[in-house]
Amino acid sequence: MGKDLHQRFLMGRSQEFGPDRCFICGVHIPVGSEVRTREHVFPKWLLRELNLWDKAVVQVDGELLAYRRLTVPCCQRCNGTDLSEIEKRVKEAFREGLQAVERLDRRDLFLWLGKIYYGLVYRESLQPRFVREQQGERLVPDEHLRSISFHHFLLQASAGLVDWVPETPGPASFHFFECLDDEDPGRRFDYMDDLFIPMLGIRMGSVGIVCVLQDWGRSEGVQQPHLEAARTMRLHPTQFREVYGRLNYMTRVSWRNKAHTIVGGKAKVTVFVGPSDDFSGRFVVEEFAQLMASHWEVPKDAIYKDGFTYSTICDISGVRNSVADHDVVFVAPHGQTGLWPAHRVDLRAFSSDSDE
């Protein structure tokens, strides 16, 4: 269906796979082609600003891949024209801070974050699952890329070929959080996403964003006490993972694939968006605790007991847990287990009454 959608409405652009195809427009760009470039999934300016060149991202198989090697094939036009202007505007906003990022055009922010999400999936589709079988099974099969073809279709808005009505809120929900910054570059960045639900969380210095890429603003009005509290705080890295985990769980249990009316035109294609469904669904505490444990990289039993799960943001009475800096170590309530990024810290160095 995805390829038919591209062929029906975009003609010269398609969703293609493999190391010789532009990950955005699908054009054939074999090695040696004068229009072939490499697009850094996380842009070079961000790698420089946050000193990420020698850091690594965790792939779906648990292996590490250096950010400097996290590139995808891209044609000269997509890289140097269509995406570059968006990149400049995002970079300028990031350097100004959270309020400037919040003021960014929603289309720019969707395309920038959506490119990162799709670029990561595309990069893993180029990676062999087994090192000894370079031409064998991929970490992410082509079938999964086809399953997110509508997201790829929307990314063609970067070339001005796709539009949506109404213009606002657009394809995504954005949740903004102010985060604690730090002089240590290793503490200034974090990234999480969901392979099966199109959403991501990214923390860049003091800027924290959780984005659900295709729920058309549906989750932005959600009222949840921990999220409301988090929006009034400067979040520790452990706390930012909690707000991502909460939105991740709520999105998973309420996810709906919507059908849209698409109308072709001479200059561009228009996606007509119908009324939004309520952002609602079940909330099973033990299920949420299991998901949260995976984000904090601890056993579920370390944060869940007798139907209750631990929160780093506020207690059951709503009292906020504001902390001053990154040096605070959050400790799980059941056992002496630190929560990410302190999940490997030797907690014997801390007294039993350490600040949680």
Protein backbone atom coordinates (compact mmCIF):
# COMPACT_ATOMS: atom_id res chain seq x y z
CA MET A 1 0.00 0.00 0.00
CA GLY A 2 2.79 2.44 0.92
CA LYS A 3 4.54 2.22 -2.41
CA ASP A 4 1.19 2.57 -4.21
CA LEU A 5 0.55 5.75 -2.21
CA HIS A 6 3.86 7.25 -3.35
CA GLN A 7 3.32 6.16 -6.95
CA ARG A 8 -0.24 7.46 -7.08
CA PHE A 9 0.52 10.91 -5.74
CA LEU A 10 4.26 11.63 -5.95
CA MET A 11 5.27 9.90 -9.16
CA GLY A 12 9.00 10.72 -9.22
CA ARG A 13 9.55 10.01 -5.52
CA SER A 14 9.19 6.67 -3.80
CA GLN A 15 10.09 4.81 -0.65
CA GLU A 16 13.06 2.67 -1.60
CA PHE A 17 15.45 0.59 0.48
CA GLY A 18 19.13 -0.23 0.42
CA PRO A 19 22.55 1.46 0.49
CA ASP A 20 22.23 2.91 -3.03
CA ARG A 21 18.97 4.80 -2.50
CA CYS A 22 18.29 8.23 -1.03
CA PHE A 23 16.44 7.56 2.19
CA ILE A 24 14.14 10.54 1.60
CA CYS A 25 13.25 10.63 -2.12
CA GLY A 26 14.32 7.12 -3.17
CA VAL A 27 16.51 8.19 -6.11
CA HIS A 28 19.27 5.77 -7.16
CA ILE A 29 22.63 7.10 -5.87
CA PRO A 30 25.28 4.39 -6.18
CA VAL A 31 28.76 4.85 -4.72
CA GLY A 32 30.63 7.24 -6.99
CA SER A 33 27.54 9.18 -8.07
CA GLU A 34 28.16 12.93 -8.14
CA VAL A 35 24.83 13.55 -6.38
CA ARG A 36 25.45 11.05 -3.56
CA THR A 37 25.98 12.43 -0.04
CA ARG A 38 25.85 11.09 3.50
CA GLU A 39 23.25 12.47 5.86
CA HIS A 40 24.10 12.30 9.56
CA VAL A 41 20.93 11.10 11.29
CA PHE A 42 21.86 13.29 14.25
CA PRO A 43 23.23 16.42 12.55
CA LYS A 44 26.91 17.28 12.72
CA TRP A 45 26.23 20.56 14.54
CA LEU A 46 24.49 18.64 17.34
CA LEU A 47 27.32 16.10 17.53
CA ARG A 48 29.78 18.98 17.91
CA GLU A 49 27.72 21.01 20.39
CA LEU A 50 27.14 18.03 22.69
CA ASN A 51 30.48 16.28 22.03
CA LEU A 52 28.81 13.12 20.70
CA TRP A 53 31.30 12.16 17.96
CA ASP A 54 32.82 9.34 19.99
CA LYS A 55 29.68 8.41 21.92
CA ALA A 56 27.46 5.54 20.80
CA VAL A 57 23.78 4.78 20.33
CA VAL A 58 22.32 1.39 21.28
CA GLN A 59 20.89 -0.49 18.29
CA VAL A 60 17.86 -2.78 18.39
CA ASP A 61 20.16 -5.79 18.90
CA GLY A 62 21.82 -4.16 21.92
CA GLU A 63 25.07 -3.46 20.07
CA LEU A 64 26.63 0.00 20.05
CA LEU A 65 27.11 2.20 16.99
CA ALA A 66 29.12 5.43 17.16
CA TYR A 67 27.12 8.56 16.38
CA ARG A 68 29.76 9.61 13.81
CA ARG A 69 28.94 6.43 11.85
CA LEU A 70 25.20 6.96 12.10
CA THR A 71 24.73 8.09 8.50
CA VAL A 72 22.31 7.23 5.71
CA PRO A 73 22.58 7.67 1.91
CA CYS A 74 21.02 10.91 0.75
CA CYS A 75 20.96 12.76 -2.56
CA GLN A 76 22.47 16.22 -2.90
CA ARG A 77 19.11 17.97 -3.28
CA CYS A 78 17.45 16.40 -0.22
CA ASN A 79 20.53 16.94 1.92
CA GLY A 80 21.77 20.30 0.66
CA THR A 81 18.50 22.05 -0.18
CA ASP A 82 15.32 20.55 1.26
CA LEU A 83 16.62 19.55 4.69
CA SER A 84 19.38 22.13 5.18
CA GLU A 85 17.12 25.17 5.68
CA ILE A 86 15.09 23.27 8.28
CA GLU A 87 18.34 22.26 9.96
CA LYS A 88 19.49 25.88 10.19
CA ARG A 89 16.28 27.03 11.85
CA VAL A 90 16.35 24.21 14.39
CA LYS A 91 20.02 24.85 15.19
CA GLU A 92 19.41 28.55 15.82
CA ALA A 93 16.45 27.80 18.09
CA PHE A 94 18.40 25.17 20.05
CA ARG A 95 21.18 27.69 20.74
CA GLU A 96 18.61 30.16 22.11
CA GLY A 97 16.99 27.62 24.44
CA LEU A 98 13.72 25.87 25.17
CA GLN A 99 11.38 28.82 24.55
CA ALA A 100 12.85 29.35 21.09
CA VAL A 101 12.43 25.65 20.30
CA GLU A 102 8.79 25.84 21.42
CA ARG A 103 8.28 28.77 19.03
CA LEU A 104 9.60 26.83 16.04
CA ASP A 105 7.20 26.21 13.19
CA ARG A 106 5.50 22.89 13.94
CA ARG A 107 6.18 21.71 10.40
CA ASP A 108 9.93 22.29 10.84
CA LEU A 109 10.00 20.46 14.14
CA PHE A 110 7.97 17.53 12.80
CA LEU A 111 10.23 17.17 9.76
CA TRP A 112 13.42 17.47 11.81
CA LEU A 113 12.39 14.92 14.43
CA GLY A 114 10.64 12.74 11.86
CA LYS A 115 13.82 12.63 9.77
CA ILE A 116 15.81 11.48 12.82
CA TYR A 117 13.27 8.76 13.63
CA TYR A 118 13.05 7.46 10.07
CA GLY A 119 16.80 7.82 9.51
CA LEU A 120 17.57 5.61 12.50
CA VAL A 121 15.18 2.91 11.31
CA TYR A 122 16.62 3.16 7.78
CA ARG A 123 20.20 2.90 9.09
CA GLU A 124 19.35 -0.25 11.02
CA SER A 125 17.74 -1.71 7.89
CA LEU A 126 21.21 -1.49 6.28
CA GLN A 127 22.88 -3.32 9.16
CA PRO A 128 23.20 -7.12 8.99
CA ARG A 129 21.71 -8.96 11.92
CA PHE A 130 24.70 -11.31 11.94
CA VAL A 131 28.16 -9.89 11.20
CA ARG A 132 29.21 -13.00 9.29
CA GLU A 133 26.19 -12.74 6.97
CA GLN A 134 26.67 -9.31 5.40
CA GLN A 135 24.05 -9.98 2.71
CA GLY A 136 21.66 -11.85 5.00
CA GLU A 137 18.91 -10.82 7.40
CA ARG A 138 18.81 -7.14 8.42
CA LEU A 139 18.42 -5.70 11.93
CA VAL A 140 15.23 -4.05 10.69
CA PRO A 141 13.62 -5.79 7.71
CA ASP A 142 12.25 -3.90 4.70
CA GLU A 143 8.77 -5.01 5.75
CA HIS A 144 9.00 -2.79 8.81
CA LEU A 145 10.02 0.21 6.72
CA ARG A 146 6.98 -0.45 4.53
CA SER A 147 4.80 -0.45 7.64
CA ILE A 148 5.79 3.18 8.31
CA SER A 149 5.49 4.26 4.68
CA PHE A 150 2.88 6.91 5.54
CA HIS A 151 5.42 8.60 7.80
CA HIS A 152 7.88 8.56 4.90
CA PHE A 153 5.13 10.00 2.68
CA LEU A 154 4.65 12.91 5.11
CA LEU A 155 8.41 13.59 5.11
CA GLN A 156 8.05 14.63 1.47
CA ALA A 157 6.73 17.90 2.89
CA SER A 158 10.41 18.82 3.23
CA ALA A 159 10.40 19.29 -0.56
CA GLY A 160 7.07 21.13 -0.51
CA LEU A 161 5.24 18.21 -2.13
CA VAL A 162 2.89 17.26 0.74
CA ASP A 163 0.64 19.47 2.85
CA TRP A 164 -2.05 18.83 5.44
CA VAL A 165 -5.34 20.46 6.39
CA PRO A 166 -5.83 21.80 8.97
CA GLU A 167 -2.29 23.16 9.13
CA THR A 168 -2.34 23.09 12.94
CA PRO A 169 -1.68 20.97 14.92
CA GLY A 170 -0.15 19.00 12.04
CA PRO A 171 1.00 15.37 12.11
CA ALA A 172 2.65 15.32 15.56
CA SER A 173 2.12 16.02 19.23
CA PHE A 174 4.94 17.83 21.01
CA HIS A 175 5.59 17.80 24.74
CA PHE A 176 8.27 20.22 25.93
CA PHE A 177 10.19 20.02 29.20
CA GLU A 178 12.96 22.13 30.69
CA CYS A 179 15.88 19.95 31.76
CA LEU A 180 18.85 20.40 34.03
CA ASP A 181 21.94 21.19 31.98
CA ASP A 182 25.51 20.32 32.90
CA GLU A 183 29.06 21.26 31.93
CA ASP A 184 29.95 17.60 31.36
CA PRO A 185 29.12 16.86 27.69
CA GLY A 186 28.42 13.23 28.56
CA ARG A 187 25.43 14.30 30.65
CA ARG A 188 23.80 16.63 28.14
CA PHE A 189 22.13 14.24 25.68
CA ASP A 190 19.69 11.36 25.67
CA TYR A 191 17.54 9.75 23.00
CA MET A 192 14.77 7.15 23.15
CA ASP A 193 12.27 5.90 20.61
CA ASP A 194 9.77 3.13 19.97
CA LEU A 195 10.26 0.91 16.93
CA PHE A 196 6.57 0.02 16.69
CA ILE A 197 4.89 3.27 17.75
CA PRO A 198 6.19 6.37 15.93
CA MET A 199 7.40 8.41 18.88
CA LEU A 200 10.66 9.60 20.37
CA GLY A 201 12.16 11.49 23.27
CA ILE A 202 15.25 13.66 22.93
CA ARG A 203 17.12 15.67 25.57
CA MET A 204 19.63 18.24 24.32
CA GLY A 205 21.14 20.32 27.09
CA SER A 206 18.25 22.16 28.75
CA VAL A 207 15.79 21.21 25.98
CA GLY A 208 13.62 18.12 26.40
CA ILE A 209 11.06 17.04 23.79
CA VAL A 210 8.77 14.03 23.64
CA CYS A 211 7.15 13.75 20.24
CA VAL A 212 4.41 11.41 19.01
CA LEU A 213 4.93 11.66 15.28
CA GLN A 214 1.52 10.71 13.90
CA ASP A 215 -1.16 11.38 16.45
CA TRP A 216 -2.06 14.81 15.01
CA GLY A 217 -1.93 16.70 18.31
CA ARG A 218 -4.14 14.17 20.09
CA SER A 219 -1.98 13.75 23.19
CA GLU A 220 -1.11 17.40 23.80
CA GLY A 221 -4.19 18.05 25.91
CA VAL A 222 -3.72 15.05 28.17
CA GLN A 223 -3.95 15.87 31.87
CA GLN A 224 -1.86 13.56 34.01
CA PRO A 225 -0.55 14.68 37.42
CA HIS A 226 3.05 13.57 36.94
CA LEU A 227 3.30 15.20 33.52
CA GLU A 228 1.70 18.40 34.80
CA ALA A 229 4.20 18.49 37.66
CA ALA A 230 7.10 17.80 35.30
CA ARG A 231 6.20 20.83 33.19
CA THR A 232 6.83 23.09 36.21
CA MET A 233 10.26 21.60 37.01
CA ARG A 234 13.76 21.42 35.59
CA LEU A 235 14.10 17.71 35.00
CA HIS A 236 17.01 15.49 36.00
CA PRO A 237 17.95 12.94 33.26
CA THR A 238 16.26 10.17 35.29
CA GLN A 239 13.08 12.26 35.49
CA PHE A 240 13.10 13.01 31.76
CA ARG A 241 13.15 9.27 31.10
CA GLU A 242 10.11 8.99 33.34
CA VAL A 243 8.07 11.57 31.39
CA TYR A 244 9.03 9.78 28.16
CA GLY A 245 8.04 6.44 29.71
CA ARG A 246 4.67 7.77 30.86
CA LEU A 247 3.84 9.20 27.44
CA ASN A 248 5.21 6.07 25.77
CA TYR A 249 2.91 3.82 27.80
CA MET A 250 -0.15 6.04 27.36
CA THR A 251 0.46 6.22 23.61
CA ARG A 252 0.91 2.45 23.28
CA VAL A 253 -2.36 1.57 25.00
CA SER A 254 -4.42 4.20 23.16
CA TRP A 255 -2.83 4.01 19.70
CA ARG A 256 -5.13 4.12 16.68
CA ASN A 257 -4.08 4.03 13.03
CA LYS A 258 -6.19 6.71 11.38
CA ALA A 259 -7.24 6.72 7.74
CA HIS A 260 -6.92 10.03 5.91
CA THR A 261 -8.34 11.47 2.73
CA ILE A 262 -5.53 12.34 0.30
CA VAL A 263 -6.14 14.61 -2.67
CA GLY A 264 -3.60 15.12 -5.44
CA GLY A 265 -2.87 18.46 -7.06
CA LYS A 266 -0.56 20.00 -9.63
CA ALA A 267 1.88 21.46 -7.10
CA LYS A 268 1.40 19.32 -4.02
CA VAL A 269 -0.63 16.59 -2.36
CA THR A 270 -2.97 17.46 0.51
CA VAL A 271 -3.78 15.19 3.44
CA PHE A 272 -7.15 16.04 4.99
CA VAL A 273 -7.24 15.20 8.69
CA GLY A 274 -10.50 14.29 10.36
CA PRO A 275 -11.54 14.88 13.99
CA SER A 276 -9.13 13.57 16.60
CA ASP A 277 -10.05 10.65 18.86
CA ASP A 278 -9.84 11.01 22.63
CA PHE A 279 -6.44 10.21 24.10
CA SER A 280 -7.61 7.45 26.40
CA GLY A 281 -6.96 3.83 27.23
CA ARG A 282 -6.36 1.41 30.04
CA PHE A 283 -3.68 2.01 32.68
CA VAL A 284 -2.35 -1.19 34.23
CA VAL A 285 0.20 -0.22 36.87
CA GLU A 286 2.22 -3.43 36.57
CA GLU A 287 2.44 -3.05 32.78
CA PHE A 288 3.58 0.54 33.18
CA ALA A 289 6.15 -0.50 35.78
CA GLN A 290 7.61 -3.07 33.38
CA LEU A 291 7.99 -0.44 30.67
CA MET A 292 9.43 2.09 33.10
CA ALA A 293 11.92 -0.47 34.38
CA SER A 294 13.20 -0.96 30.82
CA HIS A 295 13.76 2.79 30.42
CA TRP A 296 15.55 3.01 33.77
CA GLU A 297 17.41 -0.27 33.02
CA VAL A 298 16.52 -1.99 36.28
CA PRO A 299 14.40 -5.05 37.20
CA LYS A 300 10.68 -4.36 37.53
CA ASP A 301 10.69 -5.56 41.14
CA ALA A 302 13.09 -2.73 42.02
CA ILE A 303 10.37 -0.10 41.37
CA TYR A 304 7.07 -1.98 41.73
CA LYS A 305 5.44 -3.60 44.76
CA ASP A 306 1.89 -4.26 45.98
CA GLY A 307 0.26 -2.46 43.07
CA PHE A 308 2.36 0.70 43.32
CA THR A 309 5.20 1.91 41.15
CA TYR A 310 7.86 4.44 42.02
CA SER A 311 7.98 7.96 40.58
CA THR A 312 10.98 10.27 40.55
CA ILE A 313 8.77 13.28 39.77
CA CYS A 314 6.31 13.45 42.65
CA ASP A 315 4.95 11.29 45.47
CA ILE A 316 1.40 9.92 45.73
CA SER A 317 0.21 13.15 47.38
CA GLY A 318 1.54 15.23 44.49
CA VAL A 319 4.57 16.75 46.23
CA ARG A 320 7.18 17.48 43.55
CA ASN A 321 10.66 16.05 43.79
CA SER A 322 12.78 18.92 42.48
CA VAL A 323 16.54 18.36 42.46
CA ALA A 324 19.42 20.78 41.92
CA ASP A 325 21.81 19.05 39.56
CA HIS A 326 22.91 15.91 37.74
CA ASP A 327 24.90 14.65 40.73
CA VAL A 328 21.71 13.50 42.45
CA VAL A 329 21.37 9.72 42.27
CA PHE A 330 17.86 8.31 42.22
CA VAL A 331 17.65 4.99 44.04
CA ALA A 332 14.88 2.48 43.46
CA PRO A 333 12.73 1.95 46.58
CA HIS A 334 13.10 -1.83 46.67
CA GLY A 335 16.74 -2.75 47.06
CA GLN A 336 19.85 -0.65 46.49
CA THR A 337 19.47 -0.25 42.74
CA GLY A 338 20.27 3.05 41.07
CA LEU A 339 18.03 4.23 38.24
CA TRP A 340 19.46 5.18 34.85
CA PRO A 341 21.98 6.76 34.37
CA ALA A 342 23.10 5.49 37.79
CA HIS A 343 22.00 1.90 37.16
CA ARG A 344 25.63 0.76 37.25
CA VAL A 345 26.77 3.02 40.11
CA ASP A 346 28.19 1.28 43.17
CA LEU A 347 25.60 2.42 45.70
CA ARG A 348 27.71 1.27 48.60
CA ALA A 349 29.39 4.67 48.25
CA PHE A 350 26.11 6.30 49.27
CA SER A 351 24.55 6.31 52.73
CA SER A 352 21.17 4.68 53.21
CA ASP A 353 19.55 8.09 53.58
CA SER A 354 20.83 9.47 50.27
CA ASP A 355 18.62 12.04 48.58
CA GLU A 356 16.22 10.26 46.21
